[in-house]
N, C-alpha and C. Protein backbone atom coordinates (compact mmCIF):
# COMPACT_ATOMS: atom_id res chain seq x y z
N MET A 1 -22.88 7.64 5.44
CA MET A 1 -22.61 7.33 6.84
C MET A 1 -23.47 6.14 7.24
N SER A 2 -22.91 5.28 8.03
CA SER A 2 -23.65 4.10 8.44
C SER A 2 -24.00 4.20 9.92
N ASP A 3 -24.95 3.38 10.31
CA ASP A 3 -25.30 3.32 11.72
C ASP A 3 -25.09 1.89 12.21
N ASP A 4 -25.45 1.65 13.46
CA ASP A 4 -25.19 0.35 14.07
C ASP A 4 -26.00 -0.78 13.45
N THR A 5 -27.03 -0.46 12.65
CA THR A 5 -27.85 -1.52 12.06
C THR A 5 -27.32 -1.98 10.71
N ASP A 6 -26.40 -1.24 10.13
CA ASP A 6 -25.81 -1.65 8.85
C ASP A 6 -24.90 -2.85 9.07
N PRO A 7 -24.99 -3.85 8.19
CA PRO A 7 -24.11 -5.01 8.36
C PRO A 7 -22.66 -4.66 8.08
N GLN A 8 -21.79 -5.27 8.86
CA GLN A 8 -20.35 -5.11 8.68
C GLN A 8 -19.78 -6.45 8.23
N TYR A 9 -18.75 -6.37 7.41
CA TYR A 9 -18.10 -7.57 6.89
C TYR A 9 -16.61 -7.48 7.20
N ASN A 10 -16.08 -8.53 7.82
CA ASN A 10 -14.66 -8.56 8.16
C ASN A 10 -13.81 -8.60 6.90
N VAL A 11 -12.68 -7.91 6.95
CA VAL A 11 -11.73 -7.87 5.84
C VAL A 11 -10.36 -8.28 6.38
N LYS A 12 -9.78 -9.26 5.73
CA LYS A 12 -8.46 -9.75 6.11
C LYS A 12 -7.58 -9.84 4.87
N VAL A 13 -6.29 -9.84 5.10
CA VAL A 13 -5.32 -10.04 4.04
C VAL A 13 -4.58 -11.34 4.33
N HIS A 14 -4.60 -12.25 3.37
CA HIS A 14 -3.78 -13.46 3.46
C HIS A 14 -2.44 -13.15 2.81
N VAL A 15 -1.37 -13.42 3.54
CA VAL A 15 -0.01 -13.15 3.08
C VAL A 15 0.69 -14.49 2.88
N TYR A 16 1.25 -14.67 1.70
CA TYR A 16 1.97 -15.90 1.34
C TYR A 16 3.41 -15.56 1.01
N ASP A 17 4.29 -16.55 1.14
CA ASP A 17 5.68 -16.41 0.72
C ASP A 17 5.88 -17.27 -0.52
N LEU A 18 5.98 -16.62 -1.67
CA LEU A 18 6.16 -17.36 -2.92
C LEU A 18 7.48 -18.13 -2.96
N SER A 19 8.45 -17.68 -2.18
CA SER A 19 9.76 -18.36 -2.18
C SER A 19 9.79 -19.55 -1.21
N GLN A 20 8.75 -19.68 -0.41
CA GLN A 20 8.66 -20.75 0.59
C GLN A 20 9.90 -20.80 1.48
N GLY A 21 10.34 -19.63 1.91
CA GLY A 21 11.46 -19.52 2.84
C GLY A 21 12.81 -19.29 2.19
N LEU A 22 12.90 -19.45 0.87
CA LEU A 22 14.19 -19.32 0.20
C LEU A 22 14.68 -17.88 0.12
N ALA A 23 13.78 -16.92 0.10
CA ALA A 23 14.19 -15.51 0.04
C ALA A 23 15.04 -15.15 1.26
N ARG A 24 14.65 -15.64 2.40
CA ARG A 24 15.38 -15.35 3.63
C ARG A 24 16.82 -15.90 3.55
N VAL A 25 16.98 -17.05 2.89
CA VAL A 25 18.28 -17.70 2.80
C VAL A 25 19.16 -17.07 1.71
N TYR A 26 18.57 -16.85 0.52
CA TYR A 26 19.38 -16.46 -0.64
C TYR A 26 19.46 -14.96 -0.93
N ALA A 27 18.54 -14.17 -0.44
CA ALA A 27 18.56 -12.73 -0.73
C ALA A 27 19.86 -12.05 -0.30
N PRO A 28 20.41 -12.38 0.88
CA PRO A 28 21.67 -11.71 1.24
C PRO A 28 22.79 -11.99 0.23
N MET A 29 22.84 -13.21 -0.30
CA MET A 29 23.90 -13.56 -1.25
C MET A 29 23.63 -12.97 -2.63
N LEU A 30 22.37 -13.03 -3.08
CA LEU A 30 22.04 -12.61 -4.43
C LEU A 30 21.81 -11.11 -4.57
N LEU A 31 21.18 -10.52 -3.55
CA LEU A 31 20.81 -9.11 -3.64
C LEU A 31 21.61 -8.20 -2.71
N GLY A 32 22.25 -8.80 -1.72
CA GLY A 32 22.99 -7.99 -0.76
C GLY A 32 22.11 -7.36 0.30
N ILE A 33 20.88 -7.85 0.43
CA ILE A 33 19.95 -7.35 1.45
C ILE A 33 19.23 -8.54 2.07
N ASN A 34 18.62 -8.30 3.22
CA ASN A 34 17.80 -9.33 3.87
C ASN A 34 16.35 -9.17 3.45
N LEU A 35 15.72 -10.27 3.11
CA LEU A 35 14.28 -10.30 2.80
C LEU A 35 13.65 -11.40 3.64
N ASP A 36 12.49 -11.11 4.18
CA ASP A 36 11.77 -12.13 4.93
C ASP A 36 11.04 -13.09 4.01
N ALA A 37 10.57 -12.59 2.87
CA ALA A 37 9.74 -13.40 1.97
C ALA A 37 9.59 -12.67 0.65
N ILE A 38 9.05 -13.37 -0.34
CA ILE A 38 8.56 -12.74 -1.57
C ILE A 38 7.04 -12.84 -1.45
N TYR A 39 6.43 -11.71 -1.18
CA TYR A 39 5.03 -11.69 -0.78
C TYR A 39 4.05 -11.79 -1.94
N HIS A 40 3.03 -12.59 -1.72
CA HIS A 40 1.81 -12.60 -2.53
C HIS A 40 0.68 -12.40 -1.54
N THR A 41 -0.29 -11.55 -1.91
CA THR A 41 -1.40 -11.29 -1.00
C THR A 41 -2.74 -11.44 -1.70
N GLY A 42 -3.75 -11.71 -0.90
CA GLY A 42 -5.13 -11.76 -1.35
C GLY A 42 -6.02 -11.19 -0.27
N VAL A 43 -7.13 -10.60 -0.66
CA VAL A 43 -8.08 -10.01 0.27
C VAL A 43 -9.20 -11.01 0.53
N VAL A 44 -9.46 -11.27 1.79
CA VAL A 44 -10.54 -12.17 2.19
C VAL A 44 -11.69 -11.33 2.74
N VAL A 45 -12.82 -11.43 2.02
CA VAL A 45 -14.03 -10.73 2.43
C VAL A 45 -15.22 -11.47 1.82
N TYR A 46 -16.34 -11.47 2.50
CA TYR A 46 -17.56 -12.17 2.04
C TYR A 46 -17.28 -13.66 1.79
N ASP A 47 -16.46 -14.25 2.65
CA ASP A 47 -16.15 -15.69 2.60
C ASP A 47 -15.43 -16.12 1.33
N LYS A 48 -14.74 -15.19 0.66
CA LYS A 48 -13.94 -15.51 -0.54
C LYS A 48 -12.61 -14.78 -0.44
N GLU A 49 -11.60 -15.36 -1.09
CA GLU A 49 -10.31 -14.71 -1.21
C GLU A 49 -10.18 -14.18 -2.63
N HIS A 50 -9.85 -12.90 -2.76
CA HIS A 50 -9.76 -12.21 -4.05
C HIS A 50 -8.31 -11.82 -4.28
N TYR A 51 -7.80 -12.11 -5.49
CA TYR A 51 -6.38 -11.91 -5.77
C TYR A 51 -6.15 -11.87 -7.28
N ILE A 52 -4.91 -11.56 -7.64
CA ILE A 52 -4.50 -11.55 -9.04
C ILE A 52 -3.69 -12.81 -9.32
N ASP A 53 -4.05 -13.49 -10.39
CA ASP A 53 -3.30 -14.65 -10.89
C ASP A 53 -3.72 -14.83 -12.34
N GLN A 54 -2.99 -14.21 -13.25
CA GLN A 54 -3.38 -14.20 -14.66
C GLN A 54 -4.78 -13.62 -14.81
N GLY A 55 -5.04 -12.53 -14.13
CA GLY A 55 -6.33 -11.87 -14.10
C GLY A 55 -6.90 -11.91 -12.69
N VAL A 56 -8.06 -11.28 -12.53
CA VAL A 56 -8.72 -11.21 -11.21
C VAL A 56 -9.37 -12.56 -10.92
N LYS A 57 -9.04 -13.12 -9.77
CA LYS A 57 -9.56 -14.44 -9.38
C LYS A 57 -10.19 -14.37 -8.00
N GLU A 58 -10.97 -15.40 -7.71
CA GLU A 58 -11.48 -15.58 -6.35
C GLU A 58 -11.57 -17.07 -6.06
N ASN A 59 -11.42 -17.40 -4.80
CA ASN A 59 -11.48 -18.77 -4.37
C ASN A 59 -11.88 -18.77 -2.90
N TYR A 60 -12.13 -19.96 -2.35
CA TYR A 60 -12.38 -20.05 -0.93
C TYR A 60 -11.07 -19.84 -0.20
N PRO A 61 -11.09 -19.10 0.90
CA PRO A 61 -9.85 -18.85 1.64
C PRO A 61 -9.16 -20.18 2.01
N GLY A 62 -7.86 -20.20 1.80
CA GLY A 62 -7.10 -21.40 2.10
C GLY A 62 -7.11 -22.44 1.00
N ASN A 63 -7.84 -22.19 -0.09
CA ASN A 63 -7.91 -23.13 -1.20
C ASN A 63 -7.26 -22.61 -2.47
N THR A 64 -6.43 -21.60 -2.36
CA THR A 64 -5.72 -21.11 -3.53
C THR A 64 -4.47 -21.97 -3.74
N LYS A 65 -3.85 -21.81 -4.87
CA LYS A 65 -2.63 -22.58 -5.16
C LYS A 65 -1.44 -22.11 -4.33
N TYR A 66 -1.60 -21.05 -3.57
CA TYR A 66 -0.50 -20.49 -2.80
C TYR A 66 -0.31 -21.18 -1.45
N GLY A 67 -1.18 -22.13 -1.14
CA GLY A 67 -1.02 -22.91 0.09
C GLY A 67 -1.55 -22.21 1.32
N THR A 68 -0.84 -22.39 2.39
CA THR A 68 -1.25 -21.81 3.68
C THR A 68 -0.58 -20.45 3.85
N PRO A 69 -1.36 -19.44 4.23
CA PRO A 69 -0.75 -18.12 4.44
C PRO A 69 0.29 -18.18 5.56
N ILE A 70 1.35 -17.40 5.40
CA ILE A 70 2.33 -17.28 6.48
C ILE A 70 1.85 -16.28 7.52
N GLU A 71 0.84 -15.49 7.15
CA GLU A 71 0.33 -14.46 8.03
C GLU A 71 -1.08 -14.08 7.57
N VAL A 72 -1.93 -13.76 8.53
CA VAL A 72 -3.27 -13.22 8.24
C VAL A 72 -3.37 -11.88 8.95
N ILE A 73 -3.61 -10.83 8.18
CA ILE A 73 -3.70 -9.48 8.73
C ILE A 73 -5.17 -9.07 8.77
N ASP A 74 -5.65 -8.75 9.96
CA ASP A 74 -7.02 -8.25 10.11
C ASP A 74 -6.98 -6.74 9.87
N VAL A 75 -7.63 -6.29 8.80
CA VAL A 75 -7.58 -4.86 8.47
C VAL A 75 -8.85 -4.12 8.86
N GLY A 76 -9.78 -4.81 9.51
CA GLY A 76 -11.00 -4.15 9.97
C GLY A 76 -12.23 -4.71 9.30
N SER A 77 -13.22 -3.85 9.17
CA SER A 77 -14.47 -4.29 8.55
C SER A 77 -14.97 -3.22 7.60
N THR A 78 -15.85 -3.65 6.71
CA THR A 78 -16.42 -2.76 5.71
C THR A 78 -17.93 -2.79 5.80
N TYR A 79 -18.55 -1.70 5.41
CA TYR A 79 -20.00 -1.64 5.29
C TYR A 79 -20.45 -1.83 3.85
N ILE A 80 -19.50 -1.98 2.95
CA ILE A 80 -19.83 -2.15 1.53
C ILE A 80 -20.50 -3.51 1.35
N SER A 81 -21.63 -3.51 0.70
CA SER A 81 -22.40 -4.76 0.54
C SER A 81 -21.71 -5.69 -0.45
N PRO A 82 -21.98 -6.99 -0.35
CA PRO A 82 -21.42 -7.93 -1.32
C PRO A 82 -21.81 -7.59 -2.76
N GLU A 83 -22.99 -7.05 -2.96
CA GLU A 83 -23.44 -6.70 -4.31
C GLU A 83 -22.62 -5.55 -4.90
N ILE A 84 -22.38 -4.53 -4.09
CA ILE A 84 -21.56 -3.40 -4.54
C ILE A 84 -20.13 -3.88 -4.82
N PHE A 85 -19.61 -4.73 -3.94
CA PHE A 85 -18.26 -5.25 -4.14
C PHE A 85 -18.18 -6.07 -5.42
N GLN A 86 -19.21 -6.84 -5.72
CA GLN A 86 -19.20 -7.64 -6.95
C GLN A 86 -19.17 -6.74 -8.18
N GLU A 87 -19.91 -5.65 -8.15
CA GLU A 87 -19.86 -4.68 -9.25
C GLU A 87 -18.45 -4.11 -9.40
N TYR A 88 -17.84 -3.79 -8.27
CA TYR A 88 -16.47 -3.27 -8.26
C TYR A 88 -15.51 -4.30 -8.86
N LEU A 89 -15.63 -5.56 -8.45
CA LEU A 89 -14.78 -6.63 -8.99
C LEU A 89 -14.99 -6.81 -10.49
N ASP A 90 -16.23 -6.74 -10.92
CA ASP A 90 -16.53 -6.87 -12.35
C ASP A 90 -15.84 -5.76 -13.15
N GLU A 91 -15.79 -4.57 -12.58
CA GLU A 91 -15.09 -3.46 -13.25
C GLU A 91 -13.59 -3.73 -13.30
N LEU A 92 -13.04 -4.27 -12.21
CA LEU A 92 -11.60 -4.56 -12.18
C LEU A 92 -11.25 -5.66 -13.18
N ARG A 93 -12.15 -6.61 -13.37
CA ARG A 93 -11.88 -7.72 -14.30
C ARG A 93 -11.69 -7.24 -15.74
N VAL A 94 -12.32 -6.14 -16.09
CA VAL A 94 -12.18 -5.62 -17.46
C VAL A 94 -11.22 -4.43 -17.53
N ASP A 95 -10.75 -3.98 -16.38
CA ASP A 95 -9.78 -2.88 -16.33
C ASP A 95 -8.47 -3.35 -16.95
N GLU A 96 -7.97 -2.61 -17.90
CA GLU A 96 -6.72 -2.96 -18.59
C GLU A 96 -5.58 -3.21 -17.60
N LYS A 97 -5.54 -2.42 -16.54
CA LYS A 97 -4.46 -2.52 -15.56
C LYS A 97 -4.35 -3.91 -14.93
N TYR A 98 -5.46 -4.60 -14.80
CA TYR A 98 -5.46 -5.89 -14.11
C TYR A 98 -5.56 -7.09 -15.05
N GLN A 99 -5.31 -6.87 -16.33
CA GLN A 99 -5.24 -7.97 -17.28
C GLN A 99 -3.87 -8.65 -17.15
N ALA A 100 -3.83 -9.93 -17.44
CA ALA A 100 -2.61 -10.72 -17.25
C ALA A 100 -1.41 -10.12 -17.97
N HIS A 101 -1.60 -9.58 -19.16
CA HIS A 101 -0.47 -9.03 -19.92
C HIS A 101 0.07 -7.72 -19.33
N LYS A 102 -0.66 -7.11 -18.41
CA LYS A 102 -0.21 -5.87 -17.78
C LYS A 102 0.48 -6.10 -16.44
N TYR A 103 0.51 -7.36 -15.99
CA TYR A 103 1.17 -7.68 -14.73
C TYR A 103 2.64 -7.30 -14.83
N ASP A 104 3.16 -6.68 -13.80
CA ASP A 104 4.57 -6.32 -13.74
C ASP A 104 5.04 -6.60 -12.32
N LEU A 105 6.03 -7.44 -12.20
CA LEU A 105 6.53 -7.87 -10.90
C LEU A 105 6.90 -6.70 -10.00
N PHE A 106 7.38 -5.61 -10.60
CA PHE A 106 7.87 -4.49 -9.80
C PHE A 106 6.88 -3.33 -9.70
N GLU A 107 6.03 -3.15 -10.71
CA GLU A 107 5.18 -1.96 -10.76
C GLU A 107 3.67 -2.23 -10.64
N ASN A 108 3.22 -3.43 -10.96
CA ASN A 108 1.78 -3.71 -10.98
C ASN A 108 1.55 -5.20 -10.66
N ASN A 109 1.73 -5.54 -9.39
CA ASN A 109 1.64 -6.94 -9.00
C ASN A 109 0.45 -7.19 -8.08
N CYS A 110 0.37 -8.39 -7.55
CA CYS A 110 -0.76 -8.79 -6.70
C CYS A 110 -0.89 -7.89 -5.48
N ASN A 111 0.21 -7.42 -4.96
CA ASN A 111 0.15 -6.59 -3.76
C ASN A 111 -0.40 -5.19 -4.06
N HIS A 112 -0.14 -4.69 -5.26
CA HIS A 112 -0.75 -3.42 -5.68
C HIS A 112 -2.27 -3.60 -5.82
N PHE A 113 -2.68 -4.76 -6.34
CA PHE A 113 -4.10 -5.07 -6.47
C PHE A 113 -4.75 -5.15 -5.09
N THR A 114 -4.11 -5.83 -4.15
CA THR A 114 -4.62 -5.91 -2.78
C THR A 114 -4.76 -4.52 -2.18
N ASP A 115 -3.75 -3.68 -2.38
CA ASP A 115 -3.78 -2.32 -1.87
C ASP A 115 -4.99 -1.55 -2.42
N HIS A 116 -5.23 -1.71 -3.71
CA HIS A 116 -6.36 -1.05 -4.36
C HIS A 116 -7.69 -1.50 -3.73
N MET A 117 -7.82 -2.80 -3.50
CA MET A 117 -9.06 -3.32 -2.90
C MET A 117 -9.23 -2.85 -1.47
N LEU A 118 -8.14 -2.80 -0.71
CA LEU A 118 -8.23 -2.35 0.68
C LEU A 118 -8.67 -0.89 0.76
N GLU A 119 -8.16 -0.07 -0.16
CA GLU A 119 -8.60 1.33 -0.18
C GLU A 119 -10.10 1.41 -0.40
N PHE A 120 -10.60 0.60 -1.33
CA PHE A 120 -12.03 0.60 -1.63
C PHE A 120 -12.86 0.09 -0.45
N LEU A 121 -12.43 -0.99 0.16
CA LEU A 121 -13.22 -1.64 1.20
C LEU A 121 -13.15 -0.95 2.56
N VAL A 122 -11.95 -0.57 2.99
CA VAL A 122 -11.79 -0.06 4.35
C VAL A 122 -11.05 1.27 4.44
N GLY A 123 -10.65 1.83 3.28
CA GLY A 123 -9.96 3.12 3.30
C GLY A 123 -8.56 3.04 3.88
N LYS A 124 -7.95 1.86 3.81
CA LYS A 124 -6.60 1.66 4.33
C LYS A 124 -5.71 1.13 3.22
N ASN A 125 -4.40 1.21 3.47
CA ASN A 125 -3.43 0.68 2.51
C ASN A 125 -2.78 -0.57 3.06
N LEU A 126 -2.29 -1.37 2.14
CA LEU A 126 -1.52 -2.55 2.51
C LEU A 126 -0.24 -2.09 3.20
N GLU A 127 0.21 -2.86 4.16
CA GLU A 127 1.41 -2.49 4.91
C GLU A 127 2.59 -2.24 3.97
N SER A 128 3.34 -1.19 4.25
CA SER A 128 4.44 -0.78 3.37
C SER A 128 5.53 -1.85 3.28
N ARG A 129 5.73 -2.64 4.32
CA ARG A 129 6.76 -3.68 4.26
C ARG A 129 6.47 -4.69 3.15
N ILE A 130 5.19 -4.84 2.80
CA ILE A 130 4.79 -5.75 1.72
C ILE A 130 4.74 -4.97 0.40
N LEU A 131 4.05 -3.86 0.41
CA LEU A 131 3.84 -3.09 -0.81
C LEU A 131 5.14 -2.54 -1.40
N ASP A 132 6.07 -2.18 -0.54
CA ASP A 132 7.31 -1.57 -1.00
C ASP A 132 8.44 -2.56 -1.25
N LEU A 133 8.17 -3.84 -1.12
CA LEU A 133 9.22 -4.85 -1.34
C LEU A 133 9.88 -4.73 -2.71
N PRO A 134 9.13 -4.54 -3.80
CA PRO A 134 9.81 -4.40 -5.10
C PRO A 134 10.80 -3.23 -5.14
N LYS A 135 10.45 -2.10 -4.51
CA LYS A 135 11.36 -0.96 -4.45
C LYS A 135 12.61 -1.32 -3.67
N GLN A 136 12.42 -2.05 -2.58
CA GLN A 136 13.55 -2.48 -1.76
C GLN A 136 14.49 -3.36 -2.59
N VAL A 137 13.91 -4.27 -3.37
CA VAL A 137 14.72 -5.15 -4.21
C VAL A 137 15.44 -4.33 -5.29
N LEU A 138 14.72 -3.44 -5.96
CA LEU A 138 15.34 -2.63 -7.01
C LEU A 138 16.46 -1.73 -6.48
N ASN A 139 16.34 -1.29 -5.25
CA ASN A 139 17.35 -0.42 -4.65
C ASN A 139 18.53 -1.19 -4.06
N SER A 140 18.46 -2.52 -4.10
CA SER A 140 19.55 -3.34 -3.59
C SER A 140 20.73 -3.29 -4.55
N PRO A 141 21.92 -3.72 -4.10
CA PRO A 141 23.10 -3.68 -4.98
C PRO A 141 22.91 -4.40 -6.33
N ASN A 142 22.15 -5.47 -6.35
CA ASN A 142 21.96 -6.21 -7.60
C ASN A 142 20.53 -6.15 -8.13
N GLY A 143 19.73 -5.22 -7.62
CA GLY A 143 18.33 -5.14 -7.98
C GLY A 143 18.07 -4.88 -9.45
N LEU A 144 18.77 -3.92 -10.02
CA LEU A 144 18.54 -3.61 -11.44
C LEU A 144 19.00 -4.76 -12.34
N LEU A 145 20.08 -5.41 -11.94
CA LEU A 145 20.53 -6.58 -12.69
C LEU A 145 19.47 -7.68 -12.66
N LEU A 146 18.89 -7.90 -11.49
CA LEU A 146 17.82 -8.89 -11.36
C LEU A 146 16.64 -8.53 -12.25
N LYS A 147 16.25 -7.25 -12.26
CA LYS A 147 15.14 -6.82 -13.09
C LYS A 147 15.43 -7.09 -14.57
N GLN A 148 16.65 -6.81 -15.00
CA GLN A 148 17.01 -7.06 -16.39
C GLN A 148 16.99 -8.56 -16.70
N MET A 149 17.43 -9.37 -15.76
CA MET A 149 17.48 -10.82 -15.97
C MET A 149 16.09 -11.45 -16.10
N ILE A 150 15.17 -11.02 -15.22
CA ILE A 150 13.85 -11.65 -15.22
C ILE A 150 12.81 -10.84 -15.96
N GLY A 151 13.13 -9.60 -16.29
CA GLY A 151 12.15 -8.76 -16.95
C GLY A 151 11.00 -8.51 -16.00
N SER A 152 9.80 -8.45 -16.54
CA SER A 152 8.60 -8.24 -15.71
C SER A 152 7.64 -9.38 -15.92
N GLN A 153 8.16 -10.57 -15.95
CA GLN A 153 7.31 -11.74 -16.16
C GLN A 153 6.58 -12.11 -14.89
N PRO A 154 5.36 -12.60 -15.01
CA PRO A 154 4.61 -13.04 -13.83
C PRO A 154 5.33 -14.20 -13.13
N ILE A 155 5.30 -14.17 -11.80
CA ILE A 155 5.84 -15.29 -11.05
C ILE A 155 4.73 -16.08 -10.39
N ALA A 156 3.53 -15.56 -10.46
CA ALA A 156 2.40 -16.23 -9.81
C ALA A 156 1.72 -17.18 -10.78
């Protein structure tokens, strides 16, 4: 339990559209459903953005290859110290689940990683509209065909 003297650190989620607006245009024709975006997310805490891109990465917020976020979600604050978080990140870097070869567009992507970090930092989950997008795509009329066509190759 913490008290008012413990330092708090703001936690935000940067949300990007990997399709740069094309999902909104082409999803109805290709999948038979409406999509706002193809989401990529990163967690911003301790003045760094943490995300998956061929492994666990960090960069200064706004300086990733994903450009400018389409949305910034304030998820609250954490009392977890930067040192404890660094230990946690070091564990994730060697965790088999977060190695580049284990990336799966539908089952183990950047948004699942963000969700995992949010649970650790603030005890919350990533918004379902982002986290459940792969299920929405797979449940679309052409979702399984799309999965077979692209396999589970990284898009990031």
